[in-house]
């Protein structure tokens, strides 16, 4: 799904022991490994909590959802809450709603 202008990008911000991973662009099978790596690096820093902001995400397929769920469960094993926030794209919100993962990932 990635093409010019839609490639996934991310940046991580830390504030008072909490991490926010801001994701932009399309999260698909090409970019989800980068998301997985970014989430793992975020957890390695041992934050008190992790928020994944999808305000700039325009697309997310099942590989992106899998990366988020995997990180959520890894974080839970470490006692770190991980939630997804700021979902703006209707297509992304629909993926979470249809799969029931909106509740799992703290969207409701």
PDB file of N, CA and C in Angstrom:
ATOM      1  N   UNK A   1       0.809  -1.198   0.000  1.00  0.00           N
ATOM      2  CA  UNK A   1       0.000   0.000   0.000  1.00  0.00           C
ATOM      3  C   UNK A   1       0.851   1.260   0.000  1.00  0.00           C
ATOM      4  N   UNK A   2       2.083   1.154   0.459  1.00  0.00           N
ATOM      5  CA  UNK A   2       2.930   2.339   0.548  1.00  0.00           C
ATOM      6  C   UNK A   2       3.296   2.861  -0.831  1.00  0.00           C
ATOM      7  N   UNK A   3       3.342   4.150  -0.949  1.00  0.00           N
ATOM      8  CA  UNK A   3       3.755   4.804  -2.177  1.00  0.00           C
ATOM      9  C   UNK A   3       4.314   6.160  -1.825  1.00  0.00           C
ATOM     10  N   UNK A   4       4.673   6.959  -2.811  1.00  0.00           N
ATOM     11  CA  UNK A   4       5.221   8.278  -2.535  1.00  0.00           C
ATOM     12  C   UNK A   4       4.268   9.102  -1.677  1.00  0.00           C
ATOM     13  N   UNK A   5       4.795   9.651  -0.604  1.00  0.00           N
ATOM     14  CA  UNK A   5       3.989  10.506   0.263  1.00  0.00           C
ATOM     15  C   UNK A   5       3.173   9.762   1.298  1.00  0.00           C
ATOM     16  N   UNK A   6       3.166   8.432   1.250  1.00  0.00           N
ATOM     17  CA  UNK A   6       2.344   7.689   2.191  1.00  0.00           C
ATOM     18  C   UNK A   6       3.163   6.748   3.073  1.00  0.00           C
ATOM     19  N   UNK A   7       4.459   6.765   2.923  1.00  0.00           N
ATOM     20  CA  UNK A   7       5.327   5.870   3.680  1.00  0.00           C
ATOM     21  C   UNK A   7       5.192   6.162   5.170  1.00  0.00           C
ATOM     22  N   UNK A   8       5.118   5.096   5.952  1.00  0.00           N
ATOM     23  CA  UNK A   8       4.993   5.252   7.396  1.00  0.00           C
ATOM     24  C   UNK A   8       6.260   5.880   7.969  1.00  0.00           C
ATOM     25  N   UNK A   9       6.057   6.781   8.890  1.00  0.00           N
ATOM     26  CA  UNK A   9       7.156   7.378   9.638  1.00  0.00           C
ATOM     27  C   UNK A   9       6.732   7.388  11.107  1.00  0.00           C
ATOM     28  N   UNK A  10       7.707   7.541  11.971  1.00  0.00           N
ATOM     29  CA  UNK A  10       7.389   7.574  13.401  1.00  0.00           C
ATOM     30  C   UNK A  10       8.437   8.355  14.156  1.00  0.00           C
ATOM     31  N   UNK A  11       8.042   8.809  15.332  1.00  0.00           N
ATOM     32  CA  UNK A  11       8.999   9.401  16.262  1.00  0.00           C
ATOM     33  C   UNK A  11       8.501   9.094  17.668  1.00  0.00           C
ATOM     34  N   UNK A  12       9.445   8.928  18.562  1.00  0.00           N
ATOM     35  CA  UNK A  12       9.120   8.611  19.951  1.00  0.00           C
ATOM     36  C   UNK A  12       9.511   9.783  20.830  1.00  0.00           C
ATOM     37  N   UNK A  13       8.607  10.157  21.712  1.00  0.00           N
ATOM     38  CA  UNK A  13       8.853  11.238  22.667  1.00  0.00           C
ATOM     39  C   UNK A  13       8.717  10.674  24.070  1.00  0.00           C
ATOM     40  N   UNK A  14       9.569  11.129  24.962  1.00  0.00           N
ATOM     41  CA  UNK A  14       9.518  10.700  26.360  1.00  0.00           C
ATOM     42  C   UNK A  14       9.267  11.926  27.230  1.00  0.00           C
ATOM     43  N   UNK A  15       8.353  11.754  28.175  1.00  0.00           N
ATOM     44  CA  UNK A  15       8.041  12.831  29.102  1.00  0.00           C
ATOM     45  C   UNK A  15       7.648  12.205  30.438  1.00  0.00           C
ATOM     46  N   UNK A  16       8.392  12.540  31.469  1.00  0.00           N
ATOM     47  CA  UNK A  16       8.129  12.059  32.830  1.00  0.00           C
ATOM     48  C   UNK A  16       7.935  10.540  32.884  1.00  0.00           C
ATOM     49  N   UNK A  17       8.816   9.824  32.214  1.00  0.00           N
ATOM     50  CA  UNK A  17       8.783   8.367  32.273  1.00  0.00           C
ATOM     51  C   UNK A  17       7.753   7.701  31.381  1.00  0.00           C
ATOM     52  N   UNK A  18       7.019   8.486  30.607  1.00  0.00           N
ATOM     53  CA  UNK A  18       6.013   7.936  29.702  1.00  0.00           C
ATOM     54  C   UNK A  18       6.481   8.137  28.259  1.00  0.00           C
ATOM     55  N   UNK A  19       6.182   7.173  27.422  1.00  0.00           N
ATOM     56  CA  UNK A  19       6.586   7.233  26.018  1.00  0.00           C
ATOM     57  C   UNK A  19       5.368   7.419  25.127  1.00  0.00           C
ATOM     58  N   UNK A  20       5.530   8.276  24.127  1.00  0.00           N
ATOM     59  CA  UNK A  20       4.513   8.442  23.096  1.00  0.00           C
ATOM     60  C   UNK A  20       5.169   8.179  21.754  1.00  0.00           C
ATOM     61  N   UNK A  21       4.638   7.202  21.038  1.00  0.00           N
ATOM     62  CA  UNK A  21       5.110   6.879  19.698  1.00  0.00           C
ATOM     63  C   UNK A  21       4.104   7.473  18.726  1.00  0.00           C
ATOM     64  N   UNK A  22       4.544   8.447  17.948  1.00  0.00           N
ATOM     65  CA  UNK A  22       3.673   9.111  16.979  1.00  0.00           C
ATOM     66  C   UNK A  22       3.923   8.513  15.599  1.00  0.00           C
ATOM     67  N   UNK A  23       2.851   7.962  15.015  1.00  0.00           N
ATOM     68  CA  UNK A  23       2.963   7.263  13.736  1.00  0.00           C
ATOM     69  C   UNK A  23       2.197   8.045  12.680  1.00  0.00           C
ATOM     70  N   UNK A  24       2.833   8.208  11.513  1.00  0.00           N
ATOM     71  CA  UNK A  24       2.180   8.876  10.389  1.00  0.00           C
ATOM     72  C   UNK A  24       2.281   7.993   9.150  1.00  0.00           C
ATOM     73  N   UNK A  25       1.377   8.220   8.201  1.00  0.00           N
ATOM     74  CA  UNK A  25       1.399   7.486   6.939  1.00  0.00           C
ATOM     75  C   UNK A  25       0.662   6.170   7.017  1.00  0.00           C
ATOM     76  N   UNK A  26       1.030   5.260   6.125  1.00  0.00           N
ATOM     77  CA  UNK A  26       0.342   3.974   6.000  1.00  0.00           C
ATOM     78  C   UNK A  26       1.092   2.871   6.733  1.00  0.00           C
ATOM     79  N   UNK A  27       0.362   2.141   7.558  1.00  0.00           N
ATOM     80  CA  UNK A  27       0.915   0.988   8.262  1.00  0.00           C
ATOM     81  C   UNK A  27       0.416  -0.248   7.519  1.00  0.00           C
ATOM     82  N   UNK A  28       1.333  -0.882   6.788  1.00  0.00           N
ATOM     83  CA  UNK A  28       0.964  -2.049   5.989  1.00  0.00           C
ATOM     84  C   UNK A  28       2.056  -3.107   6.112  1.00  0.00           C
ATOM     85  N   UNK A  29       1.980  -4.129   5.281  1.00  0.00           N
ATOM     86  CA  UNK A  29       2.942  -5.230   5.390  1.00  0.00           C
ATOM     87  C   UNK A  29       4.374  -4.779   5.110  1.00  0.00           C
ATOM     88  N   UNK A  30       4.543  -3.711   4.349  1.00  0.00           N
ATOM     89  CA  UNK A  30       5.884  -3.183   4.109  1.00  0.00           C
ATOM     90  C   UNK A  30       6.427  -2.426   5.313  1.00  0.00           C
ATOM     91  N   UNK A  31       5.569  -1.704   6.000  1.00  0.00           N
ATOM     92  CA  UNK A  31       6.028  -0.834   7.086  1.00  0.00           C
ATOM     93  C   UNK A  31       5.843  -1.422   8.481  1.00  0.00           C
ATOM     94  N   UNK A  32       5.019  -2.437   8.625  1.00  0.00           N
ATOM     95  CA  UNK A  32       4.764  -2.969   9.973  1.00  0.00           C
ATOM     96  C   UNK A  32       6.019  -3.504  10.665  1.00  0.00           C
ATOM     97  N   UNK A  33       7.021  -4.053   9.949  1.00  0.00           N
ATOM     98  CA  UNK A  33       8.242  -4.437  10.665  1.00  0.00           C
ATOM     99  C   UNK A  33       8.946  -3.238  11.321  1.00  0.00           C
ATOM    100  N   UNK A  34       8.891  -2.074  10.669  1.00  0.00           N
ATOM    101  CA  UNK A  34       9.474  -0.870  11.280  1.00  0.00           C
ATOM    102  C   UNK A  34       8.688  -0.455  12.515  1.00  0.00           C
ATOM    103  N   UNK A  35       7.362  -0.609  12.449  1.00  0.00           N
ATOM    104  CA  UNK A  35       6.535  -0.307  13.616  1.00  0.00           C
ATOM    105  C   UNK A  35       6.857  -1.267  14.750  1.00  0.00           C
ATOM    106  N   UNK A  36       6.997  -2.548  14.440  1.00  0.00           N
ATOM    107  CA  UNK A  36       7.342  -3.550  15.446  1.00  0.00           C
ATOM    108  C   UNK A  36       8.666  -3.189  16.122  1.00  0.00           C
ATOM    109  N   UNK A  37       9.648  -2.814  15.326  1.00  0.00           N
ATOM    110  CA  UNK A  37      10.956  -2.431  15.870  1.00  0.00           C
ATOM    111  C   UNK A  37      10.855  -1.183  16.741  1.00  0.00           C
ATOM    112  N   UNK A  38      10.114  -0.187  16.281  1.00  0.00           N
ATOM    113  CA  UNK A  38       9.954   1.046  17.051  1.00  0.00           C
ATOM    114  C   UNK A  38       9.266   0.772  18.390  1.00  0.00           C
ATOM    115  N   UNK A  39       8.257  -0.090  18.380  1.00  0.00           N
ATOM    116  CA  UNK A  39       7.558  -0.438  19.612  1.00  0.00           C
ATOM    117  C   UNK A  39       8.472  -1.205  20.570  1.00  0.00           C
ATOM    118  N   UNK A  40       9.264  -2.125  20.028  1.00  0.00           N
ATOM    119  CA  UNK A  40      10.198  -2.892  20.864  1.00  0.00           C
ATOM    120  C   UNK A  40      11.241  -1.970  21.496  1.00  0.00           C
ATOM    121  N   UNK A  41      11.772  -1.041  20.707  1.00  0.00           N
ATOM    122  CA  UNK A  41      12.754  -0.098  21.246  1.00  0.00           C
ATOM    123  C   UNK A  41      12.130   0.781  22.324  1.00  0.00           C
ATOM    124  N   UNK A  42      10.905   1.151  22.109  1.00  0.00           N
ATOM    125  CA  UNK A  42      10.177   1.951  23.090  1.00  0.00           C
ATOM    126  C   UNK A  42      10.054   1.186  24.409  1.00  0.00           C
ATOM    127  N   UNK A  43       9.674  -0.078  24.332  1.00  0.00           N
ATOM    128  CA  UNK A  43       9.522  -0.893  25.539  1.00  0.00           C
ATOM    129  C   UNK A  43      10.861  -1.151  26.217  1.00  0.00           C
ATOM    130  N   UNK A  44      11.938  -1.225  25.432  1.00  0.00           N
ATOM    131  CA  UNK A  44      13.273  -1.442  25.995  1.00  0.00           C
ATOM    132  C   UNK A  44      13.681  -0.293  26.930  1.00  0.00           C
ATOM    133  N   UNK A  45      13.111   0.880  26.704  1.00  0.00           N
ATOM    134  CA  UNK A  45      13.448   2.041  27.531  1.00  0.00           C
ATOM    135  C   UNK A  45      12.752   2.007  28.893  1.00  0.00           C
ATOM    136  N   UNK A  46      11.920   0.992  29.107  1.00  0.00           N
ATOM    137  CA  UNK A  46      11.209   0.772  30.373  1.00  0.00           C
ATOM    138  C   UNK A  46      10.344   1.956  30.822  1.00  0.00           C
ATOM    139  N   UNK A  47       9.471   2.400  29.945  1.00  0.00           N
ATOM    140  CA  UNK A  47       8.585   3.504  30.331  1.00  0.00           C
ATOM    141  C   UNK A  47       7.517   3.034  31.320  1.00  0.00           C
ATOM    142  N   UNK A  48       6.902   3.991  31.998  1.00  0.00           N
ATOM    143  CA  UNK A  48       5.787   3.662  32.895  1.00  0.00           C
ATOM    144  C   UNK A  48       4.533   3.339  32.105  1.00  0.00           C
ATOM    145  N   UNK A  49       4.394   3.952  30.932  1.00  0.00           N
ATOM    146  CA  UNK A  49       3.279   3.658  30.037  1.00  0.00           C
ATOM    147  C   UNK A  49       3.668   4.065  28.627  1.00  0.00           C
ATOM    148  N   UNK A  50       2.960   3.485  27.654  1.00  0.00           N
ATOM    149  CA  UNK A  50       3.216   3.777  26.244  1.00  0.00           C
ATOM    150  C   UNK A  50       1.894   4.171  25.588  1.00  0.00           C
ATOM    151  N   UNK A  51       1.932   5.276  24.860  1.00  0.00           N
ATOM    152  CA  UNK A  51       0.799   5.688  24.046  1.00  0.00           C
ATOM    153  C   UNK A  51       1.256   5.700  22.599  1.00  0.00           C
ATOM    154  N   UNK A  52       0.482   5.045  21.741  1.00  0.00           N
ATOM    155  CA  UNK A  52       0.764   5.050  20.310  1.00  0.00           C
ATOM    156  C   UNK A  52      -0.258   5.982  19.668  1.00  0.00           C
ATOM    157  N   UNK A  53       0.201   7.145  19.240  1.00  0.00           N
ATOM    158  CA  UNK A  53      -0.684   8.116  18.604  1.00  0.00           C
ATOM    159  C   UNK A  53      -0.765   7.831  17.113  1.00  0.00           C
ATOM    160  N   UNK A  54      -1.980   7.590  16.656  1.00  0.00           N
ATOM    161  CA  UNK A  54      -2.207   7.331  15.233  1.00  0.00           C
ATOM    162  C   UNK A  54      -2.879   8.517  14.552  1.00  0.00           C
ATOM    163  N   UNK A  55      -2.720   9.709  15.115  1.00  0.00           N
ATOM    164  CA  UNK A  55      -3.354  10.898  14.543  1.00  0.00           C
ATOM    165  C   UNK A  55      -2.953  11.111  13.088  1.00  0.00           C
ATOM    166  N   UNK A  56      -1.719  10.761  12.751  1.00  0.00           N
ATOM    167  CA  UNK A  56      -1.241  10.951  11.385  1.00  0.00           C
ATOM    168  C   UNK A  56      -1.271   9.699  10.532  1.00  0.00           C
ATOM    169  N   UNK A  57      -1.793   8.611  11.068  1.00  0.00           N
ATOM    170  CA  UNK A  57      -1.870   7.361  10.299  1.00  0.00           C
ATOM    171  C   UNK A  57      -3.069   7.418   9.358  1.00  0.00           C
ATOM    172  N   UNK A  58      -2.824   7.147   8.099  1.00  0.00           N
ATOM    173  CA  UNK A  58      -3.894   7.218   7.098  1.00  0.00           C
ATOM    174  C   UNK A  58      -4.448   5.856   6.722  1.00  0.00           C
ATOM    175  N   UNK A  59      -3.728   4.784   7.098  1.00  0.00           N
ATOM    176  CA  UNK A  59      -4.141   3.430   6.738  1.00  0.00           C
ATOM    177  C   UNK A  59      -3.477   2.471   7.717  1.00  0.00           C
ATOM    178  N   UNK A  60      -4.170   1.379   8.022  1.00  0.00           N
ATOM    179  CA  UNK A  60      -3.590   0.313   8.834  1.00  0.00           C
ATOM    180  C   UNK A  60      -4.242  -0.996   8.399  1.00  0.00           C
ATOM    181  N   UNK A  61      -3.413  -1.971   8.038  1.00  0.00           N
ATOM    182  CA  UNK A  61      -3.959  -3.279   7.674  1.00  0.00           C
ATOM    183  C   UNK A  61      -3.727  -4.255   8.822  1.00  0.00           C
ATOM    184  N   UNK A  62      -4.029  -5.527   8.581  1.00  0.00           N
ATOM    185  CA  UNK A  62      -3.935  -6.523   9.650  1.00  0.00           C
ATOM    186  C   UNK A  62      -2.504  -6.726  10.139  1.00  0.00           C
ATOM    187  N   UNK A  63      -1.510  -6.480   9.308  1.00  0.00           N
ATOM    188  CA  UNK A  63      -0.128  -6.615   9.775  1.00  0.00           C
ATOM    189  C   UNK A  63       0.214  -5.501  10.777  1.00  0.00           C
ATOM    190  N   UNK A  64      -0.307  -4.326  10.553  1.00  0.00           N
ATOM    191  CA  UNK A  64      -0.121  -3.234  11.508  1.00  0.00           C
ATOM    192  C   UNK A  64      -0.870  -3.503  12.800  1.00  0.00           C
ATOM    193  N   UNK A  65      -2.085  -4.012  12.671  1.00  0.00           N
ATOM    194  CA  UNK A  65      -2.869  -4.376  13.849  1.00  0.00           C
ATOM    195  C   UNK A  65      -2.144  -5.446  14.659  1.00  0.00           C
ATOM    196  N   UNK A  66      -1.581  -6.429  13.975  1.00  0.00           N
ATOM    197  CA  UNK A  66      -0.840  -7.485  14.651  1.00  0.00           C
ATOM    198  C   UNK A  66       0.364  -6.912  15.405  1.00  0.00           C
ATOM    199  N   UNK A  67       1.076  -5.972  14.798  1.00  0.00           N
ATOM    200  CA  UNK A  67       2.222  -5.344  15.461  1.00  0.00           C
ATOM    201  C   UNK A  67       1.779  -4.625  16.737  1.00  0.00           C
ATOM    202  N   UNK A  68       0.663  -3.928  16.661  1.00  0.00           N
ATOM    203  CA  UNK A  68       0.153  -3.209  17.839  1.00  0.00           C
ATOM    204  C   UNK A  68      -0.295  -4.178  18.930  1.00  0.00           C
ATOM    205  N   UNK A  69      -1.001  -5.233  18.539  1.00  0.00           N
ATOM    206  CA  UNK A  69      -1.464  -6.214  19.530  1.00  0.00           C
ATOM    207  C   UNK A  69      -0.292  -6.950  20.175  1.00  0.00           C
ATOM    208  N   UNK A  70       0.684  -7.322  19.385  1.00  0.00           N
ATOM    209  CA  UNK A  70       1.862  -7.999  19.919  1.00  0.00           C
ATOM    210  C   UNK A  70       2.578  -7.111  20.941  1.00  0.00           C
ATOM    211  N   UNK A  71       2.754  -5.849  20.597  1.00  0.00           N
ATOM    212  CA  UNK A  71       3.395  -4.910  21.530  1.00  0.00           C
ATOM    213  C   UNK A  71       2.553  -4.720  22.788  1.00  0.00           C
ATOM    214  N   UNK A  72       1.237  -4.686  22.610  1.00  0.00           N
ATOM    215  CA  UNK A  72       0.332  -4.540  23.753  1.00  0.00           C
ATOM    216  C   UNK A  72       0.530  -5.697  24.735  1.00  0.00           C
ATOM    217  N   UNK A  73       0.587  -6.919  24.220  1.00  0.00           N
ATOM    218  CA  UNK A  73       0.754  -8.085  25.087  1.00  0.00           C
ATOM    219  C   UNK A  73       2.161  -8.145  25.686  1.00  0.00           C
ATOM    220  N   UNK A  74       3.179  -7.745  24.934  1.00  0.00           N
ATOM    221  CA  UNK A  74       4.539  -7.687  25.484  1.00  0.00           C
ATOM    222  C   UNK A  74       4.614  -6.658  26.607  1.00  0.00           C
ATOM    223  N   UNK A  75       3.983  -5.528  26.396  1.00  0.00           N
ATOM    224  CA  UNK A  75       3.972  -4.481  27.419  1.00  0.00           C
ATOM    225  C   UNK A  75       3.239  -4.967  28.672  1.00  0.00           C
ATOM    226  N   UNK A  76       2.120  -5.647  28.482  1.00  0.00           N
ATOM    227  CA  UNK A  76       1.344  -6.149  29.621  1.00  0.00           C
ATOM    228  C   UNK A  76       2.170  -7.124  30.453  1.00  0.00           C
ATOM    229  N   UNK A  77       2.954  -7.965  29.785  1.00  0.00           N
ATOM    230  CA  UNK A  77       3.811  -8.900  30.528  1.00  0.00           C
ATOM    231  C   UNK A  77       4.852  -8.164  31.376  1.00  0.00           C
ATOM    232  N   UNK A  78       5.196  -6.961  30.960  1.00  0.00           N
ATOM    233  CA  UNK A  78       6.162  -6.145  31.708  1.00  0.00           C
ATOM    234  C   UNK A  78       5.475  -5.224  32.721  1.00  0.00           C
ATOM    235  N   UNK A  79       4.155  -5.274  32.743  1.00  0.00           N
ATOM    236  CA  UNK A  79       3.411  -4.402  33.649  1.00  0.00           C
ATOM    237  C   UNK A  79       3.310  -2.970  33.161  1.00  0.00           C
ATOM    238  N   UNK A  80       3.438  -2.779  31.856  1.00  0.00           N
ATOM    239  CA  UNK A  80       3.398  -1.440  31.255  1.00  0.00           C
ATOM    240  C   UNK A  80       2.125  -1.297  30.436  1.00  0.00           C
ATOM    241  N   UNK A  81       1.265  -0.363  30.787  1.00  0.00           N
ATOM    242  CA  UNK A  81       0.076  -0.157  29.959  1.00  0.00           C
ATOM    243  C   UNK A  81       0.460   0.425  28.593  1.00  0.00           C
ATOM    244  N   UNK A  82      -0.116  -0.124  27.530  1.00  0.00           N
ATOM    245  CA  UNK A  82       0.073   0.399  26.187  1.00  0.00           C
ATOM    246  C   UNK A  82      -1.304   0.615  25.599  1.00  0.00           C
ATOM    247  N   UNK A  83      -1.523   1.809  25.098  1.00  0.00           N
ATOM    248  CA  UNK A  83      -2.809   2.109  24.477  1.00  0.00           C
ATOM    249  C   UNK A  83      -2.598   2.849  23.163  1.00  0.00           C
ATOM    250  N   UNK A  84      -3.571   2.733  22.302  1.00  0.00           N
ATOM    251  CA  UNK A  84      -3.582   3.448  21.029  1.00  0.00           C
ATOM    252  C   UNK A  84      -4.509   4.643  21.200  1.00  0.00           C
ATOM    253  N   UNK A  85      -4.101   5.781  20.661  1.00  0.00           N
ATOM    254  CA  UNK A  85      -4.890   7.006  20.823  1.00  0.00           C
ATOM    255  C   UNK A  85      -4.914   7.806  19.521  1.00  0.00           C
ATOM    256  N   UNK A  86      -5.790   8.770  19.490  1.00  0.00           N
ATOM    257  CA  UNK A  86      -5.835   9.778  18.417  1.00  0.00           C
ATOM    258  C   UNK A  86      -6.078   9.188  17.031  1.00  0.00           C
ATOM    259  N   UNK A  87      -6.910   8.169  16.939  1.00  0.00           N
ATOM    260  CA  UNK A  87      -7.215   7.589  15.629  1.00  0.00           C
ATOM    261  C   UNK A  87      -8.142   8.550  14.896  1.00  0.00           C
ATOM    262  N   UNK A  88      -7.661   9.091  13.788  1.00  0.00           N
ATOM    263  CA  UNK A  88      -8.428  10.084  13.025  1.00  0.00           C
ATOM    264  C   UNK A  88      -8.999   9.509  11.728  1.00  0.00           C
ATOM    265  N   UNK A  89      -8.252   8.649  11.062  1.00  0.00           N
ATOM    266  CA  UNK A  89      -8.685   8.115   9.760  1.00  0.00           C
ATOM    267  C   UNK A  89      -9.834   7.124   9.959  1.00  0.00           C
ATOM    268  N   UNK A  90     -10.963   7.355   9.297  1.00  0.00           N
ATOM    269  CA  UNK A  90     -12.102   6.452   9.446  1.00  0.00           C
ATOM    270  C   UNK A  90     -11.765   4.990   9.121  1.00  0.00           C
ATOM    271  N   UNK A  91     -10.916   4.764   8.119  1.00  0.00           N
ATOM    272  CA  UNK A  91     -10.557   3.404   7.739  1.00  0.00           C
ATOM    273  C   UNK A  91      -9.790   2.699   8.864  1.00  0.00           C
ATOM    274  N   UNK A  92      -8.958   3.441   9.552  1.00  0.00           N
ATOM    275  CA  UNK A  92      -8.193   2.871  10.669  1.00  0.00           C
ATOM    276  C   UNK A  92      -9.130   2.585  11.842  1.00  0.00           C
ATOM    277  N   UNK A  93      -9.997   3.525  12.152  1.00  0.00           N
ATOM    278  CA  UNK A  93     -10.960   3.325  13.240  1.00  0.00           C
ATOM    279  C   UNK A  93     -11.854   2.123  12.961  1.00  0.00           C
ATOM    280  N   UNK A  94     -12.245   1.971  11.726  1.00  0.00           N
ATOM    281  CA  UNK A  94     -13.117   0.843  11.349  1.00  0.00           C
ATOM    282  C   UNK A  94     -12.414  -0.499  11.567  1.00  0.00           C
ATOM    283  N   UNK A  95     -11.125  -0.577  11.261  1.00  0.00           N
ATOM    284  CA  UNK A  95     -10.372  -1.812  11.491  1.00  0.00           C
ATOM    285  C   UNK A  95     -10.432  -2.212  12.963  1.00  0.00           C
ATOM    286  N   UNK A  96     -10.194  -1.257  13.849  1.00  0.00           N
ATOM    287  CA  UNK A  96     -10.223  -1.551  15.279  1.00  0.00           C
ATOM    288  C   UNK A  96     -11.625  -1.940  15.748  1.00  0.00           C
ATOM    289  N   UNK A  97     -12.635  -1.253  15.232  1.00  0.00           N
ATOM    290  CA  UNK A  97     -14.016  -1.545  15.627  1.00  0.00           C
ATOM    291  C   UNK A  97     -14.457  -2.925  15.135  1.00  0.00           C
ATOM    292  N   UNK A  98     -14.205  -3.225  13.865  1.00  0.00           N
ATOM    293  CA  UNK A  98     -14.638  -4.501  13.298  1.00  0.00           C
ATOM    294  C   UNK A  98     -13.958  -5.706  13.948  1.00  0.00           C
ATOM    295  N   UNK A  99     -12.733  -5.520  14.393  1.00  0.00           N
ATOM    296  CA  UNK A  99     -11.994  -6.632  15.006  1.00  0.00           C
ATOM    297  C   UNK A  99     -12.182  -6.687  16.518  1.00  0.00           C
ATOM    298  N   UNK A 100     -12.856  -5.691  17.082  1.00  0.00           N
ATOM    299  CA  UNK A 100     -13.059  -5.659  18.529  1.00  0.00           C
ATOM    300  C   UNK A 100     -11.802  -5.286  19.302  1.00  0.00           C
ATOM    301  N   UNK A 101     -10.768  -4.867  18.610  1.00  0.00           N
ATOM    302  CA  UNK A 101      -9.518  -4.524  19.290  1.00  0.00           C
ATOM    303  C   UNK A 101      -9.515  -3.089  19.807  1.00  0.00           C
ATOM    304  N   UNK A 102     -10.556  -2.342  19.506  1.00  0.00           N
ATOM    305  CA  UNK A 102     -10.650  -0.982  20.037  1.00  0.00           C
ATOM    306  C   UNK A 102     -10.646  -1.010  21.569  1.00  0.00           C
ATOM    307  N   UNK A 103     -11.347  -1.964  22.147  1.00  0.00           N
ATOM    308  CA  UNK A 103     -11.377  -2.085  23.620  1.00  0.00           C
ATOM    309  C   UNK A 103     -10.055  -2.583  24.152  1.00  0.00           C
ATOM    310  N   UNK A 104      -9.469  -3.570  23.485  1.00  0.00           N
ATOM    311  CA  UNK A 104      -8.191  -4.136  23.920  1.00  0.00           C
ATOM    312  C   UNK A 104      -7.099  -3.077  23.940  1.00  0.00           C
ATOM    313  N   UNK A 105      -7.103  -2.227  22.940  1.00  0.00           N
ATOM    314  CA  UNK A 105      -6.041  -1.230  22.799  1.00  0.00           C
ATOM    315  C   UNK A 105      -6.386   0.121  23.421  1.00  0.00           C
ATOM    316  N   UNK A 106      -7.469   0.160  24.179  1.00  0.00           N
ATOM    317  CA  UNK A 106      -7.805   1.361  24.954  1.00  0.00           C
ATOM    318  C   UNK A 106      -8.422   2.484  24.183  1.00  0.00           C
ATOM    319  N   UNK A 107      -9.057   2.189  23.057  1.00  0.00           N
ATOM    320  CA  UNK A 107      -9.677   3.245  22.264  1.00  0.00           C
ATOM    321  C   UNK A 107     -11.039   3.677  22.794  1.00  0.00           C
ATOM    322  N   UNK A 108     -11.651   2.865  23.624  1.00  0.00           N
ATOM    323  CA  UNK A 108     -12.979   3.234  24.179  1.00  0.00           C
ATOM    324  C   UNK A 108     -12.847   3.621  25.620  1.00  0.00           C
TER     325      UNK A 108
END
